[in-house]
N, C-alpha and C. Protein backbone atom coordinates (compact mmCIF):
# COMPACT_ATOMS: atom_id res chain seq x y z
N MET A 1 101.36 81.09 66.97
CA MET A 1 101.90 80.94 67.95
C MET A 1 103.27 81.92 67.71
N VAL A 2 103.82 81.64 66.79
CA VAL A 2 105.53 82.01 66.38
C VAL A 2 105.04 83.84 66.55
N ALA A 3 104.17 84.07 65.64
CA ALA A 3 104.52 86.11 65.71
C ALA A 3 103.85 86.47 66.92
N GLU A 4 103.41 85.62 68.17
CA GLU A 4 102.56 86.02 69.24
C GLU A 4 103.94 86.11 70.08
N LEU A 5 104.77 85.02 69.77
CA LEU A 5 105.90 84.67 70.49
C LEU A 5 107.04 85.24 70.50
N VAL A 6 107.11 86.22 69.06
CA VAL A 6 107.83 87.00 68.44
C VAL A 6 107.66 88.11 68.57
N GLN A 7 106.77 88.57 68.95
CA GLN A 7 106.25 89.89 68.92
C GLN A 7 105.60 90.33 70.65
N ARG A 8 106.43 89.12 71.84
CA ARG A 8 106.20 89.57 72.53
C ARG A 8 108.12 89.42 72.92
N GLY A 9 108.75 89.07 72.03
CA GLY A 9 110.22 89.17 72.40
C GLY A 9 111.04 88.02 72.31
N ALA A 10 110.23 87.15 72.77
CA ALA A 10 110.71 85.57 72.74
C ALA A 10 111.99 85.51 71.32
N ARG A 11 113.11 84.80 72.04
CA ARG A 11 114.10 84.17 71.01
C ARG A 11 113.14 82.86 70.50
N VAL A 12 112.44 82.45 69.17
CA VAL A 12 111.79 81.51 68.48
C VAL A 12 112.86 80.33 68.00
N THR A 13 112.89 79.27 68.42
CA THR A 13 113.11 78.26 67.20
C THR A 13 112.33 77.28 66.73
N GLY A 14 112.19 76.53 65.64
CA GLY A 14 111.23 76.07 65.29
C GLY A 14 111.55 74.57 64.43
N LEU A 15 111.30 73.56 64.72
CA LEU A 15 111.85 72.75 63.95
C LEU A 15 110.45 72.56 62.57
N VAL A 16 110.76 72.88 61.68
CA VAL A 16 110.22 72.43 60.32
C VAL A 16 110.83 71.11 59.65
N ARG A 17 109.38 70.35 59.12
CA ARG A 17 109.07 69.27 58.76
C ARG A 17 109.45 69.53 57.32
N ASP A 18 108.04 70.31 56.90
CA ASP A 18 108.20 70.85 55.45
C ASP A 18 108.36 72.56 55.27
N GLY A 19 108.84 73.61 54.34
CA GLY A 19 108.07 74.40 53.98
C GLY A 19 107.40 74.19 53.28
N VAL A 20 106.34 75.38 54.09
CA VAL A 20 105.52 75.18 53.11
C VAL A 20 105.02 76.85 52.81
N PRO A 21 105.14 77.41 51.79
CA PRO A 21 105.12 78.14 51.01
C PRO A 21 103.92 79.00 51.35
N GLN A 22 102.74 78.66 51.32
CA GLN A 22 101.13 79.46 51.77
C GLN A 22 101.64 79.40 53.12
N SER A 23 101.78 79.09 54.24
CA SER A 23 101.71 78.79 55.50
C SER A 23 101.75 80.51 55.72
N ARG A 24 101.66 80.87 56.96
CA ARG A 24 101.71 82.11 58.08
C ARG A 24 103.54 82.57 57.91
N LEU A 25 103.41 81.16 58.11
CA LEU A 25 105.33 81.53 58.38
C LEU A 25 106.22 82.05 57.62
N TYR A 26 105.60 81.67 56.20
CA TYR A 26 106.62 82.25 55.20
C TYR A 26 106.01 83.50 54.41
N THR A 27 104.63 84.01 54.58
CA THR A 27 103.70 84.82 53.30
C THR A 27 103.90 86.22 54.80
N GLU A 28 104.06 85.69 55.90
CA GLU A 28 104.20 86.94 57.16
C GLU A 28 105.71 87.16 57.20
N ASN A 29 106.39 86.22 56.85
CA ASN A 29 108.00 86.41 57.01
C ASN A 29 108.11 86.40 57.96
N TRP A 30 107.49 85.30 59.06
CA TRP A 30 108.22 84.73 60.27
C TRP A 30 109.06 84.65 60.77
N HIS A 31 109.79 84.01 59.33
CA HIS A 31 110.69 82.60 59.08
C HIS A 31 112.43 83.85 59.43
N ASP A 32 111.45 84.59 58.74
CA ASP A 32 113.48 85.53 59.05
C ASP A 32 113.23 86.09 60.10
N GLN A 33 112.46 85.56 61.06
CA GLN A 33 112.98 86.35 62.49
C GLN A 33 112.80 85.02 63.64
N ILE A 34 112.91 83.75 63.12
CA ILE A 34 112.93 82.94 64.39
C ILE A 34 114.41 81.99 63.65
N ASN A 35 114.45 81.17 64.69
CA ASN A 35 115.69 80.01 64.43
C ASN A 35 115.02 78.90 63.68
N ILE A 36 115.41 78.71 62.76
CA ILE A 36 114.35 77.08 61.98
C ILE A 36 115.68 76.21 61.95
N VAL A 37 114.73 74.92 62.60
CA VAL A 37 115.95 73.95 62.38
C VAL A 37 115.12 72.80 61.33
N ARG A 38 115.54 72.09 60.47
CA ARG A 38 114.93 71.46 59.43
C ARG A 38 115.26 69.76 60.07
N GLY A 39 113.77 69.46 59.84
CA GLY A 39 114.43 68.13 60.97
C GLY A 39 111.93 67.60 61.10
N CYS A 40 111.91 66.75 61.60
CA CYS A 40 110.82 66.27 62.15
C CYS A 40 110.85 65.24 63.47
N ILE A 41 109.90 65.35 63.95
CA ILE A 41 110.00 65.45 65.12
C ILE A 41 110.03 63.97 65.50
N GLU A 42 110.15 62.74 64.63
CA GLU A 42 110.53 61.95 64.68
C GLU A 42 112.36 60.95 64.75
N ASP A 43 112.56 62.69 64.89
CA ASP A 43 114.34 62.32 64.26
C ASP A 43 114.80 62.84 65.84
N LEU A 44 115.12 61.68 66.85
CA LEU A 44 115.60 62.00 68.49
C LEU A 44 116.68 63.12 67.93
N PRO A 45 117.93 62.46 67.71
CA PRO A 45 119.23 63.90 67.30
C PRO A 45 118.82 65.24 66.66
N ALA A 46 118.48 65.09 66.01
CA ALA A 46 117.80 66.33 65.31
C ALA A 46 117.09 67.48 66.60
N LEU A 47 116.31 66.60 67.63
CA LEU A 47 115.76 66.93 68.58
C LEU A 47 116.40 67.25 69.82
N GLU A 48 117.33 66.65 69.98
CA GLU A 48 118.31 66.74 71.14
C GLU A 48 119.46 67.53 70.33
N ARG A 49 120.03 68.15 69.34
CA ARG A 49 120.57 69.47 68.33
C ARG A 49 120.42 70.50 68.95
N ALA A 50 118.82 70.38 68.35
CA ALA A 50 117.91 71.84 68.32
C ALA A 50 117.82 72.34 69.60
N ILE A 51 117.64 71.87 71.03
CA ILE A 51 117.97 71.87 72.12
C ILE A 51 118.47 72.62 72.77
N ASN A 52 120.15 72.00 72.46
CA ASN A 52 120.73 71.78 73.21
C ASN A 52 121.51 73.53 72.27
N GLU A 53 121.32 73.55 71.21
CA GLU A 53 122.08 73.93 70.14
C GLU A 53 121.86 75.80 70.30
N TYR A 54 120.09 75.91 70.83
CA TYR A 54 119.53 77.14 70.90
C TYR A 54 119.21 77.30 72.24
N GLU A 55 119.73 76.44 72.90
CA GLU A 55 119.17 76.59 74.42
C GLU A 55 117.60 77.22 74.98
N VAL A 56 116.87 75.85 74.42
CA VAL A 56 115.96 76.05 74.78
C VAL A 56 115.09 75.39 76.25
N ASP A 57 114.79 76.67 76.43
CA ASP A 57 114.12 76.62 77.99
C ASP A 57 112.21 76.38 78.06
N THR A 58 111.98 76.30 76.95
CA THR A 58 110.41 76.20 76.90
C THR A 58 110.00 75.69 75.35
N VAL A 59 109.42 74.13 75.52
CA VAL A 59 108.94 73.64 74.11
C VAL A 59 107.24 73.87 74.38
N PHE A 60 106.80 74.12 73.03
CA PHE A 60 105.14 73.79 72.62
C PHE A 60 105.50 73.05 71.62
N HIS A 61 104.61 71.82 72.18
CA HIS A 61 104.77 70.66 70.95
C HIS A 61 103.68 70.56 70.44
N LEU A 62 103.32 70.99 69.49
CA LEU A 62 102.27 71.01 68.61
C LEU A 62 101.86 70.19 67.13
N ALA A 63 103.52 68.94 66.76
CA ALA A 63 103.32 68.33 66.16
C ALA A 63 102.84 67.11 65.73
N ALA A 64 102.18 66.87 65.36
CA ALA A 64 101.28 66.15 64.75
C ALA A 64 100.24 65.52 63.62
N GLN A 65 99.33 64.26 63.57
CA GLN A 65 98.76 64.09 62.53
C GLN A 65 97.54 64.23 62.95
N THR A 66 96.64 65.10 62.18
CA THR A 66 95.87 65.20 63.31
C THR A 66 94.37 65.38 61.80
N ILE A 67 95.25 64.90 60.96
CA ILE A 67 93.67 64.68 60.04
C ILE A 67 93.17 63.23 60.01
N VAL A 68 92.03 63.25 60.00
CA VAL A 68 92.07 61.39 60.74
C VAL A 68 92.15 60.62 59.35
N GLY A 69 91.61 60.77 57.99
CA GLY A 69 91.60 60.12 57.07
C GLY A 69 92.94 60.06 56.24
N VAL A 70 93.50 60.80 56.63
CA VAL A 70 95.30 60.13 56.70
C VAL A 70 95.96 59.61 57.20
N ALA A 71 95.16 59.93 58.75
CA ALA A 71 95.33 59.09 59.68
C ALA A 71 94.86 57.55 59.17
N ASN A 72 94.36 57.75 59.37
CA ASN A 72 93.51 56.07 58.76
C ASN A 72 94.13 55.25 57.33
N ARG A 73 94.55 56.44 56.54
CA ARG A 73 95.46 55.46 55.55
C ARG A 73 96.64 55.66 55.43
N GLU A 74 97.48 56.11 57.09
CA GLU A 74 98.71 56.47 57.10
C GLU A 74 98.91 55.70 58.25
N PRO A 75 98.58 54.40 59.47
CA PRO A 75 98.02 54.62 60.87
C PRO A 75 99.57 54.53 60.94
N LEU A 76 100.55 54.16 60.30
CA LEU A 76 102.30 53.60 60.86
C LEU A 76 103.11 55.08 61.32
N ALA A 77 102.64 55.85 59.57
CA ALA A 77 103.27 57.07 59.65
C ALA A 77 103.05 58.34 60.66
N THR A 78 101.24 58.06 61.46
CA THR A 78 100.79 58.66 62.81
C THR A 78 100.89 58.56 63.54
N PHE A 79 101.40 57.45 63.85
CA PHE A 79 102.24 56.27 65.58
C PHE A 79 103.21 57.02 65.46
N GLU A 80 104.35 56.95 64.23
CA GLU A 80 105.24 57.47 64.48
C GLU A 80 105.63 58.93 64.57
N ALA A 81 104.88 59.58 64.23
CA ALA A 81 104.52 61.87 64.49
C ALA A 81 104.29 61.65 65.62
N ASN A 82 102.93 61.03 66.11
CA ASN A 82 102.29 61.36 67.68
C ASN A 82 102.54 60.61 68.43
N ILE A 83 103.21 59.65 68.13
CA ILE A 83 103.17 58.91 69.71
C ILE A 83 104.30 58.60 69.55
N LYS A 84 105.66 57.83 69.23
CA LYS A 84 107.00 58.25 68.74
C LYS A 84 107.57 59.47 69.16
N GLY A 85 106.79 60.52 68.09
CA GLY A 85 107.51 61.83 68.14
C GLY A 85 106.57 62.78 69.69
N THR A 86 106.30 62.33 70.43
CA THR A 86 105.77 62.76 71.42
C THR A 86 106.86 62.09 72.26
N TRP A 87 107.52 61.19 72.35
CA TRP A 87 108.16 59.86 73.17
C TRP A 87 109.73 61.09 73.12
N ASN A 88 109.64 61.04 71.74
CA ASN A 88 111.36 61.58 71.53
C ASN A 88 111.20 62.87 72.08
N LEU A 89 110.35 64.14 71.48
CA LEU A 89 110.71 65.36 72.52
C LEU A 89 110.73 65.11 73.55
N LEU A 90 110.02 64.44 74.65
CA LEU A 90 109.95 64.46 75.80
C LEU A 90 111.15 63.76 76.49
N GLU A 91 112.43 62.81 75.39
CA GLU A 91 112.87 62.42 75.50
C GLU A 91 114.32 63.34 75.57
N ALA A 92 113.96 63.36 74.51
CA ALA A 92 115.41 64.71 74.14
C ALA A 92 115.48 65.97 75.08
N CYS A 93 114.29 66.59 75.66
CA CYS A 93 114.27 66.87 76.73
C CYS A 93 114.99 66.58 77.90
N ARG A 94 114.47 65.50 78.22
CA ARG A 94 115.16 65.21 80.04
C ARG A 94 116.82 64.89 79.15
N ARG A 95 117.18 64.19 78.32
CA ARG A 95 118.54 63.83 78.44
C ARG A 95 119.80 65.18 77.83
N VAL A 96 118.90 66.20 77.08
CA VAL A 96 119.53 67.48 77.17
C VAL A 96 119.51 68.51 78.13
N GLY A 97 118.41 68.32 79.15
CA GLY A 97 118.11 69.46 79.95
C GLY A 97 118.21 70.53 79.90
N GLY A 98 117.79 71.30 80.68
CA GLY A 98 117.74 72.97 80.52
C GLY A 98 116.37 73.59 79.92
N VAL A 99 115.41 72.66 80.03
CA VAL A 99 113.92 72.58 79.59
C VAL A 99 113.00 72.70 81.12
N SER A 100 112.67 74.02 81.27
CA SER A 100 112.06 73.95 82.54
C SER A 100 110.59 74.15 82.35
N ARG A 101 109.97 73.95 81.21
CA ARG A 101 108.32 73.48 80.56
C ARG A 101 108.12 73.21 79.28
N ILE A 102 107.13 72.38 79.03
CA ILE A 102 106.86 71.81 78.27
C ILE A 102 105.33 72.07 77.94
N VAL A 103 104.69 72.38 77.26
CA VAL A 103 103.51 72.53 76.78
C VAL A 103 102.77 71.29 75.33
N VAL A 104 101.78 70.62 75.84
CA VAL A 104 101.57 69.64 75.04
C VAL A 104 100.11 70.26 74.21
N ALA A 105 99.85 70.42 73.01
CA ALA A 105 99.01 70.73 72.66
C ALA A 105 98.37 69.54 71.95
N SER A 106 97.18 69.13 72.65
CA SER A 106 96.08 68.27 71.16
C SER A 106 95.05 68.45 70.72
N SER A 107 94.40 67.85 70.18
CA SER A 107 92.92 68.62 69.41
C SER A 107 91.66 68.04 70.19
N ASP A 108 90.62 68.03 69.86
CA ASP A 108 89.73 68.25 70.64
C ASP A 108 88.83 66.64 70.31
N LYS A 109 89.54 65.65 69.25
CA LYS A 109 89.71 64.70 69.13
C LYS A 109 89.77 64.10 70.06
N ALA A 110 90.34 64.16 71.17
CA ALA A 110 90.98 62.93 72.51
C ALA A 110 89.92 62.90 73.25
N TYR A 111 88.78 63.80 73.09
CA TYR A 111 87.35 63.84 73.79
C TYR A 111 86.29 63.07 73.40
N GLY A 112 86.64 62.49 72.02
CA GLY A 112 85.40 61.85 70.82
C GLY A 112 83.92 62.12 71.26
N ASP A 113 83.40 61.30 70.69
CA ASP A 113 82.28 61.98 70.85
C ASP A 113 81.07 62.13 72.12
N GLN A 114 81.16 63.34 72.54
CA GLN A 114 80.26 64.13 73.50
C GLN A 114 78.83 64.10 73.73
N ASP A 115 77.94 63.55 74.54
CA ASP A 115 76.79 63.87 74.61
C ASP A 115 76.14 65.44 74.69
N ILE A 116 77.12 65.71 75.94
CA ILE A 116 77.06 67.15 77.05
C ILE A 116 78.28 67.89 75.86
N LEU A 117 77.93 69.45 75.76
CA LEU A 117 78.25 69.79 74.77
C LEU A 117 78.12 71.69 75.55
N PRO A 118 79.73 71.88 75.69
CA PRO A 118 80.76 72.42 75.14
C PRO A 118 81.72 71.52 76.07
N TYR A 119 82.06 70.67 76.06
CA TYR A 119 83.37 69.78 77.00
C TYR A 119 84.45 70.57 77.01
N ASP A 120 85.26 70.37 78.49
CA ASP A 120 86.34 70.95 78.64
C ASP A 120 87.47 70.10 79.85
N GLU A 121 88.70 70.39 79.79
CA GLU A 121 88.76 69.73 80.15
C GLU A 121 89.12 68.52 81.60
N THR A 122 88.05 68.87 82.22
CA THR A 122 87.83 67.82 83.44
C THR A 122 86.66 66.95 82.49
N THR A 123 86.34 66.73 81.25
CA THR A 123 85.76 65.58 80.35
C THR A 123 86.82 64.65 80.70
N PRO A 124 86.27 63.47 80.89
CA PRO A 124 87.21 62.04 80.21
C PRO A 124 87.26 61.98 78.99
N LEU A 125 88.48 61.53 78.72
CA LEU A 125 89.24 61.44 77.13
C LEU A 125 88.40 60.24 76.66
N GLN A 126 88.25 59.86 75.66
CA GLN A 126 87.75 59.38 74.58
C GLN A 126 88.49 58.96 73.39
N GLY A 127 89.46 58.82 73.08
CA GLY A 127 90.64 59.01 71.97
C GLY A 127 89.74 57.81 70.82
């Protein structure tokens, strides 16, 4: 996502909880071309500061615990990241203002086990 946005000329600000040296953000030096805010999605003041300071107008929300095994072992942390984090992001956008678009990503886990494949956005959710 970062690569595509930067290549299209967007000013990108990324919220980075953990710097993972093996990630493409670092191995391909995209971190040198974006604004990085250290923090986590559970931290409402950090989200508000980032949105305000960098005058964010479009938000792509990709932060979540998606690994089922980790989620089962750490249900509270998963709730904090996935539910509270999404709430905080939406609240920060509302409180700061200026954000005109929010794209919230989800995984196919939201559709559960389906008898008919492939499923699409009209398929009922079964998280």
